């Protein structure tokens, strides 16, 4: 059964625009290669971290909303484990994706 997931990445803020785009492209290809479907992606921009991660004080937050089979998530995650430009990532399973809830709530009130 296909499930909804959010994946939040903290990517090094000191990357050039080209290197940052290559990293996002790598993430996208990794998700698609392992059978995931990218529903939406959001760049939350550069933020100061609460504490240093790998000696970095800032990171670029990037969020992916995906659909995938549960058994593929560990395969997707294995692509990110040793990437030096990805400081941290978090994968959360969601019953509904956040933006889908906003759309359905908006249609009820109209």
PDB file of N, CA and C in Angstrom:
ATOM      1  N   UNK A   1       0.835  -1.184   0.000  1.00  0.00           N
ATOM      2  CA  UNK A   1       0.000   0.000   0.000  1.00  0.00           C
ATOM      3  C   UNK A   1       0.883   1.253   0.000  1.00  0.00           C
ATOM      4  N   UNK A   2       0.634   2.141  -0.907  1.00  0.00           N
ATOM      5  CA  UNK A   2       1.414   3.375  -1.034  1.00  0.00           C
ATOM      6  C   UNK A   2       1.053   4.316   0.111  1.00  0.00           C
ATOM      7  N   UNK A   3       2.089   4.928   0.715  1.00  0.00           N
ATOM      8  CA  UNK A   3       1.880   5.842   1.835  1.00  0.00           C
ATOM      9  C   UNK A   3       2.493   7.197   1.537  1.00  0.00           C
ATOM     10  N   UNK A   4       2.057   8.189   2.290  1.00  0.00           N
ATOM     11  CA  UNK A   4       2.557   9.555   2.156  1.00  0.00           C
ATOM     12  C   UNK A   4       3.707   9.793   3.126  1.00  0.00           C
ATOM     13  N   UNK A   5       4.720  10.524   2.670  1.00  0.00           N
ATOM     14  CA  UNK A   5       5.877  10.845   3.503  1.00  0.00           C
ATOM     15  C   UNK A   5       6.301  12.285   3.264  1.00  0.00           C
ATOM     16  N   UNK A   6       6.867  12.889   4.306  1.00  0.00           N
ATOM     17  CA  UNK A   6       7.567  14.163   4.191  1.00  0.00           C
ATOM     18  C   UNK A   6       9.032  13.884   4.481  1.00  0.00           C
ATOM     19  N   UNK A   7       9.909  14.429   3.668  1.00  0.00           N
ATOM     20  CA  UNK A   7      11.341  14.310   3.927  1.00  0.00           C
ATOM     21  C   UNK A   7      11.911  15.723   3.978  1.00  0.00           C
ATOM     22  N   UNK A   8      12.457  16.077   5.119  1.00  0.00           N
ATOM     23  CA  UNK A   8      13.072  17.392   5.302  1.00  0.00           C
ATOM     24  C   UNK A   8      14.586  17.228   5.294  1.00  0.00           C
ATOM     25  N   UNK A   9      15.244  18.012   4.468  1.00  0.00           N
ATOM     26  CA  UNK A   9      16.699  17.974   4.356  1.00  0.00           C
ATOM     27  C   UNK A   9      17.294  19.274   4.866  1.00  0.00           C
ATOM     28  N   UNK A  10      18.415  19.173   5.550  1.00  0.00           N
ATOM     29  CA  UNK A  10      19.246  20.324   5.881  1.00  0.00           C
ATOM     30  C   UNK A  10      20.492  20.183   5.025  1.00  0.00           C
ATOM     31  N   UNK A  11      20.640  21.099   4.084  1.00  0.00           N
ATOM     32  CA  UNK A  11      21.730  21.042   3.106  1.00  0.00           C
ATOM     33  C   UNK A  11      22.702  22.178   3.405  1.00  0.00           C
ATOM     34  N   UNK A  12      23.981  21.905   3.230  1.00  0.00           N
ATOM     35  CA  UNK A  12      25.010  22.917   3.510  1.00  0.00           C
ATOM     36  C   UNK A  12      24.684  24.235   2.826  1.00  0.00           C
ATOM     37  N   UNK A  13      24.749  25.316   3.591  1.00  0.00           N
ATOM     38  CA  UNK A  13      24.416  26.643   3.066  1.00  0.00           C
ATOM     39  C   UNK A  13      25.558  27.266   2.274  1.00  0.00           C
ATOM     40  N   UNK A  14      26.775  26.736   2.415  1.00  0.00           N
ATOM     41  CA  UNK A  14      27.923  27.330   1.734  1.00  0.00           C
ATOM     42  C   UNK A  14      28.159  26.762   0.337  1.00  0.00           C
ATOM     43  N   UNK A  15      27.207  25.994  -0.184  1.00  0.00           N
ATOM     44  CA  UNK A  15      27.337  25.448  -1.539  1.00  0.00           C
ATOM     45  C   UNK A  15      27.050  26.525  -2.573  1.00  0.00           C
ATOM     46  N   UNK A  16      27.678  26.393  -3.730  1.00  0.00           N
ATOM     47  CA  UNK A  16      27.334  27.281  -4.841  1.00  0.00           C
ATOM     48  C   UNK A  16      25.948  26.895  -5.354  1.00  0.00           C
ATOM     49  N   UNK A  17      25.354  27.786  -6.115  1.00  0.00           N
ATOM     50  CA  UNK A  17      24.015  27.521  -6.686  1.00  0.00           C
ATOM     51  C   UNK A  17      24.035  26.241  -7.516  1.00  0.00           C
ATOM     52  N   UNK A  18      25.098  26.063  -8.285  1.00  0.00           N
ATOM     53  CA  UNK A  18      25.221  24.880  -9.138  1.00  0.00           C
ATOM     54  C   UNK A  18      25.313  23.597  -8.301  1.00  0.00           C
ATOM     55  N   UNK A  19      26.141  23.621  -7.256  1.00  0.00           N
ATOM     56  CA  UNK A  19      26.286  22.438  -6.393  1.00  0.00           C
ATOM     57  C   UNK A  19      24.998  22.142  -5.631  1.00  0.00           C
ATOM     58  N   UNK A  20      24.309  23.197  -5.194  1.00  0.00           N
ATOM     59  CA  UNK A  20      23.032  23.015  -4.510  1.00  0.00           C
ATOM     60  C   UNK A  20      22.024  22.346  -5.445  1.00  0.00           C
ATOM     61  N   UNK A  21      21.936  22.822  -6.682  1.00  0.00           N
ATOM     62  CA  UNK A  21      21.010  22.224  -7.655  1.00  0.00           C
ATOM     63  C   UNK A  21      21.378  20.773  -7.963  1.00  0.00           C
ATOM     64  N   UNK A  22      22.668  20.470  -8.009  1.00  0.00           N
ATOM     65  CA  UNK A  22      23.109  19.084  -8.224  1.00  0.00           C
ATOM     66  C   UNK A  22      22.671  18.197  -7.065  1.00  0.00           C
ATOM     67  N   UNK A  23      22.746  18.720  -5.848  1.00  0.00           N
ATOM     68  CA  UNK A  23      22.340  17.943  -4.672  1.00  0.00           C
ATOM     69  C   UNK A  23      20.833  17.672  -4.693  1.00  0.00           C
ATOM     70  N   UNK A  24      20.045  18.680  -5.041  1.00  0.00           N
ATOM     71  CA  UNK A  24      18.587  18.498  -5.146  1.00  0.00           C
ATOM     72  C   UNK A  24      18.272  17.499  -6.251  1.00  0.00           C
ATOM     73  N   UNK A  25      18.976  17.588  -7.368  1.00  0.00           N
ATOM     74  CA  UNK A  25      18.783  16.643  -8.469  1.00  0.00           C
ATOM     75  C   UNK A  25      19.124  15.217  -8.031  1.00  0.00           C
ATOM     76  N   UNK A  26      20.202  15.056  -7.254  1.00  0.00           N
ATOM     77  CA  UNK A  26      20.576  13.744  -6.730  1.00  0.00           C
ATOM     78  C   UNK A  26      19.464  13.183  -5.839  1.00  0.00           C
ATOM     79  N   UNK A  27      18.910  14.027  -4.982  1.00  0.00           N
ATOM     80  CA  UNK A  27      17.825  13.600  -4.086  1.00  0.00           C
ATOM     81  C   UNK A  27      16.619  13.153  -4.908  1.00  0.00           C
ATOM     82  N   UNK A  28      16.236  13.956  -5.894  1.00  0.00           N
ATOM     83  CA  UNK A  28      15.096  13.610  -6.742  1.00  0.00           C
ATOM     84  C   UNK A  28      15.316  12.280  -7.461  1.00  0.00           C
ATOM     85  N   UNK A  29      16.489  12.124  -8.062  1.00  0.00           N
ATOM     86  CA  UNK A  29      16.788  10.879  -8.775  1.00  0.00           C
ATOM     87  C   UNK A  29      16.781   9.677  -7.840  1.00  0.00           C
ATOM     88  N   UNK A  30      17.282   9.859  -6.616  1.00  0.00           N
ATOM     89  CA  UNK A  30      17.298   8.762  -5.642  1.00  0.00           C
ATOM     90  C   UNK A  30      15.890   8.324  -5.273  1.00  0.00           C
ATOM     91  N   UNK A  31      15.005   9.283  -5.074  1.00  0.00           N
ATOM     92  CA  UNK A  31      13.612   8.971  -4.724  1.00  0.00           C
ATOM     93  C   UNK A  31      12.940   8.240  -5.878  1.00  0.00           C
ATOM     94  N   UNK A  32      13.096   8.762  -7.092  1.00  0.00           N
ATOM     95  CA  UNK A  32      12.450   8.152  -8.261  1.00  0.00           C
ATOM     96  C   UNK A  32      13.043   6.780  -8.574  1.00  0.00           C
ATOM     97  N   UNK A  33      14.339   6.628  -8.406  1.00  0.00           N
ATOM     98  CA  UNK A  33      15.010   5.357  -8.696  1.00  0.00           C
ATOM     99  C   UNK A  33      14.468   4.227  -7.829  1.00  0.00           C
ATOM    100  N   UNK A  34      14.116   4.541  -6.590  1.00  0.00           N
ATOM    101  CA  UNK A  34      13.639   3.524  -5.655  1.00  0.00           C
ATOM    102  C   UNK A  34      12.112   3.412  -5.635  1.00  0.00           C
ATOM    103  N   UNK A  35      11.455   3.941  -6.654  1.00  0.00           N
ATOM    104  CA  UNK A  35      10.020   3.749  -6.801  1.00  0.00           C
ATOM    105  C   UNK A  35       9.142   4.779  -6.120  1.00  0.00           C
ATOM    106  N   UNK A  36       9.740   5.863  -5.619  1.00  0.00           N
ATOM    107  CA  UNK A  36       8.952   6.914  -4.989  1.00  0.00           C
ATOM    108  C   UNK A  36       8.387   7.876  -6.019  1.00  0.00           C
ATOM    109  N   UNK A  37       7.354   8.576  -5.621  1.00  0.00           N
ATOM    110  CA  UNK A  37       6.732   9.594  -6.477  1.00  0.00           C
ATOM    111  C   UNK A  37       6.820  10.925  -5.753  1.00  0.00           C
ATOM    112  N   UNK A  38       7.424  11.920  -6.372  1.00  0.00           N
ATOM    113  CA  UNK A  38       7.523  13.242  -5.767  1.00  0.00           C
ATOM    114  C   UNK A  38       6.234  13.992  -6.059  1.00  0.00           C
ATOM    115  N   UNK A  39       5.531  14.363  -4.996  1.00  0.00           N
ATOM    116  CA  UNK A  39       4.257  15.062  -5.134  1.00  0.00           C
ATOM    117  C   UNK A  39       4.483  16.569  -5.163  1.00  0.00           C
ATOM    118  N   UNK A  40       5.349  17.036  -4.272  1.00  0.00           N
ATOM    119  CA  UNK A  40       5.621  18.472  -4.176  1.00  0.00           C
ATOM    120  C   UNK A  40       6.963  18.657  -3.490  1.00  0.00           C
ATOM    121  N   UNK A  41       7.629  19.772  -3.781  1.00  0.00           N
ATOM    122  CA  UNK A  41       8.873  20.110  -3.095  1.00  0.00           C
ATOM    123  C   UNK A  41       8.874  21.594  -2.777  1.00  0.00           C
ATOM    124  N   UNK A  42       9.479  21.934  -1.635  1.00  0.00           N
ATOM    125  CA  UNK A  42       9.502  23.318  -1.190  1.00  0.00           C
ATOM    126  C   UNK A  42      10.895  23.680  -0.688  1.00  0.00           C
ATOM    127  N   UNK A  43      11.394  24.823  -1.119  1.00  0.00           N
ATOM    128  CA  UNK A  43      12.645  25.345  -0.608  1.00  0.00           C
ATOM    129  C   UNK A  43      12.299  26.344   0.496  1.00  0.00           C
ATOM    130  N   UNK A  44      12.628  26.015   1.738  1.00  0.00           N
ATOM    131  CA  UNK A  44      12.329  26.883   2.872  1.00  0.00           C
ATOM    132  C   UNK A  44      13.423  27.901   3.113  1.00  0.00           C
ATOM    133  N   UNK A  45      14.502  27.802   2.376  1.00  0.00           N
ATOM    134  CA  UNK A  45      15.553  28.805   2.442  1.00  0.00           C
ATOM    135  C   UNK A  45      16.597  28.568   3.519  1.00  0.00           C
ATOM    136  N   UNK A  46      17.489  29.536   3.626  1.00  0.00           N
ATOM    137  CA  UNK A  46      18.627  29.481   4.545  1.00  0.00           C
ATOM    138  C   UNK A  46      18.167  29.873   5.948  1.00  0.00           C
ATOM    139  N   UNK A  47      18.561  29.063   6.923  1.00  0.00           N
ATOM    140  CA  UNK A  47      18.199  29.323   8.321  1.00  0.00           C
ATOM    141  C   UNK A  47      19.423  29.097   9.202  1.00  0.00           C
ATOM    142  N   UNK A  48      19.469  29.831  10.301  1.00  0.00           N
ATOM    143  CA  UNK A  48      20.506  29.624  11.308  1.00  0.00           C
ATOM    144  C   UNK A  48      20.115  28.427  12.160  1.00  0.00           C
ATOM    145  N   UNK A  49      21.059  27.538  12.377  1.00  0.00           N
ATOM    146  CA  UNK A  49      20.799  26.335  13.155  1.00  0.00           C
ATOM    147  C   UNK A  49      20.844  26.641  14.653  1.00  0.00           C
ATOM    148  N   UNK A  50      20.099  25.878  15.435  1.00  0.00           N
ATOM    149  CA  UNK A  50      20.092  26.058  16.889  1.00  0.00           C
ATOM    150  C   UNK A  50      21.438  25.671  17.494  1.00  0.00           C
ATOM    151  N   UNK A  51      22.113  24.737  16.860  1.00  0.00           N
ATOM    152  CA  UNK A  51      23.440  24.304  17.293  1.00  0.00           C
ATOM    153  C   UNK A  51      24.205  23.864  16.051  1.00  0.00           C
ATOM    154  N   UNK A  52      25.525  23.926  16.080  1.00  0.00           N
ATOM    155  CA  UNK A  52      26.314  23.547  14.896  1.00  0.00           C
ATOM    156  C   UNK A  52      26.142  22.061  14.547  1.00  0.00           C
ATOM    157  N   UNK A  53      26.032  21.795  13.262  1.00  0.00           N
ATOM    158  CA  UNK A  53      25.990  20.429  12.746  1.00  0.00           C
ATOM    159  C   UNK A  53      27.136  20.309  11.756  1.00  0.00           C
ATOM    160  N   UNK A  54      28.033  19.379  12.012  1.00  0.00           N
ATOM    161  CA  UNK A  54      29.231  19.201  11.188  1.00  0.00           C
ATOM    162  C   UNK A  54      29.972  20.533  11.004  1.00  0.00           C
ATOM    163  N   UNK A  55      30.061  21.290  12.094  1.00  0.00           N
ATOM    164  CA  UNK A  55      30.758  22.581  12.167  1.00  0.00           C
ATOM    165  C   UNK A  55      30.113  23.659  11.295  1.00  0.00           C
ATOM    166  N   UNK A  56      28.853  23.490  10.924  1.00  0.00           N
ATOM    167  CA  UNK A  56      28.133  24.486  10.126  1.00  0.00           C
ATOM    168  C   UNK A  56      27.094  25.178  11.008  1.00  0.00           C
ATOM    169  N   UNK A  57      26.982  26.500  10.862  1.00  0.00           N
ATOM    170  CA  UNK A  57      26.051  27.301  11.658  1.00  0.00           C
ATOM    171  C   UNK A  57      24.728  27.551  10.926  1.00  0.00           C
ATOM    172  N   UNK A  58      24.735  27.401   9.592  1.00  0.00           N
ATOM    173  CA  UNK A  58      23.543  27.636   8.778  1.00  0.00           C
ATOM    174  C   UNK A  58      23.307  26.456   7.848  1.00  0.00           C
ATOM    175  N   UNK A  59      22.049  26.329   7.425  1.00  0.00           N
ATOM    176  CA  UNK A  59      21.702  25.284   6.457  1.00  0.00           C
ATOM    177  C   UNK A  59      20.525  25.770   5.618  1.00  0.00           C
ATOM    178  N   UNK A  60      20.372  25.144   4.470  1.00  0.00           N
ATOM    179  CA  UNK A  60      19.205  25.394   3.623  1.00  0.00           C
ATOM    180  C   UNK A  60      18.227  24.255   3.867  1.00  0.00           C
ATOM    181  N   UNK A  61      17.021  24.620   4.263  1.00  0.00           N
ATOM    182  CA  UNK A  61      15.981  23.628   4.519  1.00  0.00           C
ATOM    183  C   UNK A  61      15.234  23.362   3.219  1.00  0.00           C
ATOM    184  N   UNK A  62      15.068  22.087   2.886  1.00  0.00           N
ATOM    185  CA  UNK A  62      14.368  21.700   1.665  1.00  0.00           C
ATOM    186  C   UNK A  62      13.435  20.543   2.002  1.00  0.00           C
ATOM    187  N   UNK A  63      12.176  20.656   1.618  1.00  0.00           N
ATOM    188  CA  UNK A  63      11.166  19.668   1.983  1.00  0.00           C
ATOM    189  C   UNK A  63      10.602  18.993   0.741  1.00  0.00           C
ATOM    190  N   UNK A  64      10.520  17.668   0.800  1.00  0.00           N
ATOM    191  CA  UNK A  64       9.912  16.874  -0.261  1.00  0.00           C
ATOM    192  C   UNK A  64       8.671  16.178   0.294  1.00  0.00           C
ATOM    193  N   UNK A  65       7.582  16.225  -0.440  1.00  0.00           N
ATOM    194  CA  UNK A  65       6.400  15.419  -0.150  1.00  0.00           C
ATOM    195  C   UNK A  65       6.401  14.296  -1.168  1.00  0.00           C
ATOM    196  N   UNK A  66       6.396  13.063  -0.703  1.00  0.00           N
ATOM    197  CA  UNK A  66       6.469  11.938  -1.633  1.00  0.00           C
ATOM    198  C   UNK A  66       5.431  10.880  -1.281  1.00  0.00           C
ATOM    199  N   UNK A  67       5.204   9.994  -2.232  1.00  0.00           N
ATOM    200  CA  UNK A  67       4.410   8.784  -2.018  1.00  0.00           C
ATOM    201  C   UNK A  67       5.303   7.605  -2.375  1.00  0.00           C
ATOM    202  N   UNK A  68       5.258   6.573  -1.521  1.00  0.00           N
ATOM    203  CA  UNK A  68       6.111   5.418  -1.749  1.00  0.00           C
ATOM    204  C   UNK A  68       5.579   4.226  -0.975  1.00  0.00           C
ATOM    205  N   UNK A  69       6.018   3.059  -1.393  1.00  0.00           N
ATOM    206  CA  UNK A  69       5.745   1.855  -0.622  1.00  0.00           C
ATOM    207  C   UNK A  69       6.658   1.870   0.606  1.00  0.00           C
ATOM    208  N   UNK A  70       6.178   1.400   1.763  1.00  0.00           N
ATOM    209  CA  UNK A  70       6.997   1.424   2.983  1.00  0.00           C
ATOM    210  C   UNK A  70       8.336   0.699   2.838  1.00  0.00           C
ATOM    211  N   UNK A  71       8.361  -0.393   2.088  1.00  0.00           N
ATOM    212  CA  UNK A  71       9.613  -1.145   1.947  1.00  0.00           C
ATOM    213  C   UNK A  71      10.663  -0.388   1.127  1.00  0.00           C
ATOM    214  N   UNK A  72      10.259   0.632   0.390  1.00  0.00           N
ATOM    215  CA  UNK A  72      11.214   1.409  -0.407  1.00  0.00           C
ATOM    216  C   UNK A  72      11.868   2.548   0.373  1.00  0.00           C
ATOM    217  N   UNK A  73      11.306   2.898   1.523  1.00  0.00           N
ATOM    218  CA  UNK A  73      11.825   4.040   2.274  1.00  0.00           C
ATOM    219  C   UNK A  73      13.255   3.791   2.753  1.00  0.00           C
ATOM    220  N   UNK A  74      13.550   2.596   3.230  1.00  0.00           N
ATOM    221  CA  UNK A  74      14.923   2.315   3.672  1.00  0.00           C
ATOM    222  C   UNK A  74      15.897   2.359   2.493  1.00  0.00           C
ATOM    223  N   UNK A  75      15.441   1.971   1.310  1.00  0.00           N
ATOM    224  CA  UNK A  75      16.286   2.057   0.117  1.00  0.00           C
ATOM    225  C   UNK A  75      16.540   3.516  -0.255  1.00  0.00           C
ATOM    226  N   UNK A  76      15.493   4.335  -0.175  1.00  0.00           N
ATOM    227  CA  UNK A  76      15.630   5.767  -0.456  1.00  0.00           C
ATOM    228  C   UNK A  76      16.594   6.398   0.548  1.00  0.00           C
ATOM    229  N   UNK A  77      16.406   6.065   1.816  1.00  0.00           N
ATOM    230  CA  UNK A  77      17.231   6.633   2.883  1.00  0.00           C
ATOM    231  C   UNK A  77      18.708   6.267   2.728  1.00  0.00           C
ATOM    232  N   UNK A  78      18.998   5.094   2.214  1.00  0.00           N
ATOM    233  CA  UNK A  78      20.391   4.659   2.074  1.00  0.00           C
ATOM    234  C   UNK A  78      21.196   5.557   1.134  1.00  0.00           C
ATOM    235  N   UNK A  79      20.530   6.256   0.236  1.00  0.00           N
ATOM    236  CA  UNK A  79      21.225   7.160  -0.682  1.00  0.00           C
ATOM    237  C   UNK A  79      21.748   8.410   0.029  1.00  0.00           C
ATOM    238  N   UNK A  80      21.107   8.789   1.143  1.00  0.00           N
ATOM    239  CA  UNK A  80      21.427  10.058   1.792  1.00  0.00           C
ATOM    240  C   UNK A  80      22.388   9.920   2.964  1.00  0.00           C
ATOM    241  N   UNK A  81      22.604   8.708   3.428  1.00  0.00           N
ATOM    242  CA  UNK A  81      23.307   8.473   4.682  1.00  0.00           C
ATOM    243  C   UNK A  81      24.715   9.071   4.717  1.00  0.00           C
ATOM    244  N   UNK A  82      25.462   8.937   3.663  1.00  0.00           N
ATOM    245  CA  UNK A  82      26.862   9.386   3.671  1.00  0.00           C
ATOM    246  C   UNK A  82      27.138  10.583   2.748  1.00  0.00           C
ATOM    247  N   UNK A  83      26.111  11.311   2.378  1.00  0.00           N
ATOM    248  CA  UNK A  83      26.314  12.501   1.545  1.00  0.00           C
ATOM    249  C   UNK A  83      26.857  13.630   2.407  1.00  0.00           C
ATOM    250  N   UNK A  84      28.009  14.168   2.059  1.00  0.00           N
ATOM    251  CA  UNK A  84      28.615  15.204   2.891  1.00  0.00           C
ATOM    252  C   UNK A  84      27.884  16.542   2.807  1.00  0.00           C
ATOM    253  N   UNK A  85      27.143  16.793   1.727  1.00  0.00           N
ATOM    254  CA  UNK A  85      26.416  18.055   1.600  1.00  0.00           C
ATOM    255  C   UNK A  85      25.065  18.046   2.310  1.00  0.00           C
ATOM    256  N   UNK A  86      24.592  16.866   2.692  1.00  0.00           N
ATOM    257  CA  UNK A  86      23.353  16.760   3.456  1.00  0.00           C
ATOM    258  C   UNK A  86      23.738  16.663   4.930  1.00  0.00           C
ATOM    259  N   UNK A  87      23.432  17.719   5.683  1.00  0.00           N
ATOM    260  CA  UNK A  87      23.797  17.741   7.092  1.00  0.00           C
ATOM    261  C   UNK A  87      22.894  16.824   7.915  1.00  0.00           C
ATOM    262  N   UNK A  88      21.604  16.887   7.661  1.00  0.00           N
ATOM    263  CA  UNK A  88      20.620  16.044   8.343  1.00  0.00           C
ATOM    264  C   UNK A  88      19.424  15.849   7.415  1.00  0.00           C
ATOM    265  N   UNK A  89      18.665  14.788   7.689  1.00  0.00           N
ATOM    266  CA  UNK A  89      17.392  14.585   7.011  1.00  0.00           C
ATOM    267  C   UNK A  89      16.455  13.878   7.980  1.00  0.00           C
ATOM    268  N   UNK A  90      15.167  14.070   7.766  1.00  0.00           N
ATOM    269  CA  UNK A  90      14.162  13.445   8.604  1.00  0.00           C
ATOM    270  C   UNK A  90      13.029  12.984   7.707  1.00  0.00           C
ATOM    271  N   UNK A  91      12.667  11.718   7.832  1.00  0.00           N
ATOM    272  CA  UNK A  91      11.578  11.152   7.044  1.00  0.00           C
ATOM    273  C   UNK A  91      10.414  10.876   7.985  1.00  0.00           C
ATOM    274  N   UNK A  92       9.264  11.460   7.686  1.00  0.00           N
ATOM    275  CA  UNK A  92       8.063  11.274   8.491  1.00  0.00           C
ATOM    276  C   UNK A  92       6.934  10.715   7.635  1.00  0.00           C
ATOM    277  N   UNK A  93       6.240   9.728   8.167  1.00  0.00           N
ATOM    278  CA  UNK A  93       5.055   9.213   7.486  1.00  0.00           C
ATOM    279  C   UNK A  93       3.871  10.077   7.876  1.00  0.00           C
ATOM    280  N   UNK A  94       3.027  10.410   6.914  1.00  0.00           N
ATOM    281  CA  UNK A  94       1.848  11.248   7.148  1.00  0.00           C
ATOM    282  C   UNK A  94       0.606  10.551   6.620  1.00  0.00           C
ATOM    283  N   UNK A  95      -0.500  10.685   7.351  1.00  0.00           N
ATOM    284  CA  UNK A  95      -1.761  10.148   6.840  1.00  0.00           C
ATOM    285  C   UNK A  95      -2.187  10.949   5.621  1.00  0.00           C
ATOM    286  N   UNK A  96      -2.093  12.275   5.767  1.00  0.00           N
ATOM    287  CA  UNK A  96      -2.361  13.176   4.646  1.00  0.00           C
ATOM    288  C   UNK A  96      -1.215  14.163   4.552  1.00  0.00           C
ATOM    289  N   UNK A  97      -0.948  14.587   3.351  1.00  0.00           N
ATOM    290  CA  UNK A  97       0.097  15.579   3.168  1.00  0.00           C
ATOM    291  C   UNK A  97      -0.456  16.954   3.512  1.00  0.00           C
ATOM    292  N   UNK A  98       0.373  17.797   4.090  1.00  0.00           N
ATOM    293  CA  UNK A  98      -0.051  19.088   4.633  1.00  0.00           C
ATOM    294  C   UNK A  98      -0.808  19.940   3.617  1.00  0.00           C
ATOM    295  N   UNK A  99      -0.280  20.077   2.419  1.00  0.00           N
ATOM    296  CA  UNK A  99      -0.926  20.935   1.424  1.00  0.00           C
ATOM    297  C   UNK A  99      -2.251  20.352   0.949  1.00  0.00           C
ATOM    298  N   UNK A 100      -2.423  19.020   1.003  1.00  0.00           N
ATOM    299  CA  UNK A 100      -3.706  18.410   0.647  1.00  0.00           C
ATOM    300  C   UNK A 100      -4.758  18.738   1.685  1.00  0.00           C
ATOM    301  N   UNK A 101      -4.360  18.814   2.968  1.00  0.00           N
ATOM    302  CA  UNK A 101      -5.292  19.186   4.032  1.00  0.00           C
ATOM    303  C   UNK A 101      -5.758  20.622   3.849  1.00  0.00           C
ATOM    304  N   UNK A 102      -4.847  21.518   3.463  1.00  0.00           N
ATOM    305  CA  UNK A 102      -5.210  22.921   3.248  1.00  0.00           C
ATOM    306  C   UNK A 102      -6.196  23.062   2.096  1.00  0.00           C
ATOM    307  N   UNK A 103      -5.993  22.299   1.023  1.00  0.00           N
ATOM    308  CA  UNK A 103      -6.899  22.358  -0.128  1.00  0.00           C
ATOM    309  C   UNK A 103      -8.284  21.843   0.266  1.00  0.00           C
ATOM    310  N   UNK A 104      -8.342  20.705   0.972  1.00  0.00           N
ATOM    311  CA  UNK A 104      -9.643  20.141   1.356  1.00  0.00           C
ATOM    312  C   UNK A 104     -10.354  21.033   2.380  1.00  0.00           C
ATOM    313  N   UNK A 105      -9.633  21.677   3.283  1.00  0.00           N
ATOM    314  CA  UNK A 105     -10.243  22.582   4.249  1.00  0.00           C
ATOM    315  C   UNK A 105     -10.788  23.827   3.546  1.00  0.00           C
ATOM    316  N   UNK A 106     -10.101  24.303   2.538  1.00  0.00           N
ATOM    317  CA  UNK A 106     -10.551  25.459   1.782  1.00  0.00           C
ATOM    318  C   UNK A 106     -11.813  25.174   0.988  1.00  0.00           C
ATOM    319  N   UNK A 107     -11.963  23.977   0.477  1.00  0.00           N
ATOM    320  CA  UNK A 107     -13.140  23.653  -0.323  1.00  0.00           C
ATOM    321  C   UNK A 107     -14.372  23.446   0.563  1.00  0.00           C
ATOM    322  N   UNK A 108     -14.186  23.060   1.822  1.00  0.00           N
ATOM    323  CA  UNK A 108     -15.320  22.859   2.733  1.00  0.00           C
ATOM    324  C   UNK A 108     -15.916  24.186   3.155  1.00  0.00           C
ATOM    325  N   UNK A 109     -15.069  25.224   3.381  1.00  0.00           N
ATOM    326  CA  UNK A 109     -15.550  26.483   3.883  1.00  0.00           C
ATOM    327  C   UNK A 109     -16.206  27.355   2.804  1.00  0.00           C
ATOM    328  N   UNK A 110     -16.029  27.023   1.569  1.00  0.00           N
ATOM    329  CA  UNK A 110     -16.586  27.850   0.484  1.00  0.00           C
ATOM    330  C   UNK A 110     -18.038  27.539   0.231  1.00  0.00           C
TER     331      UNK A 110
END
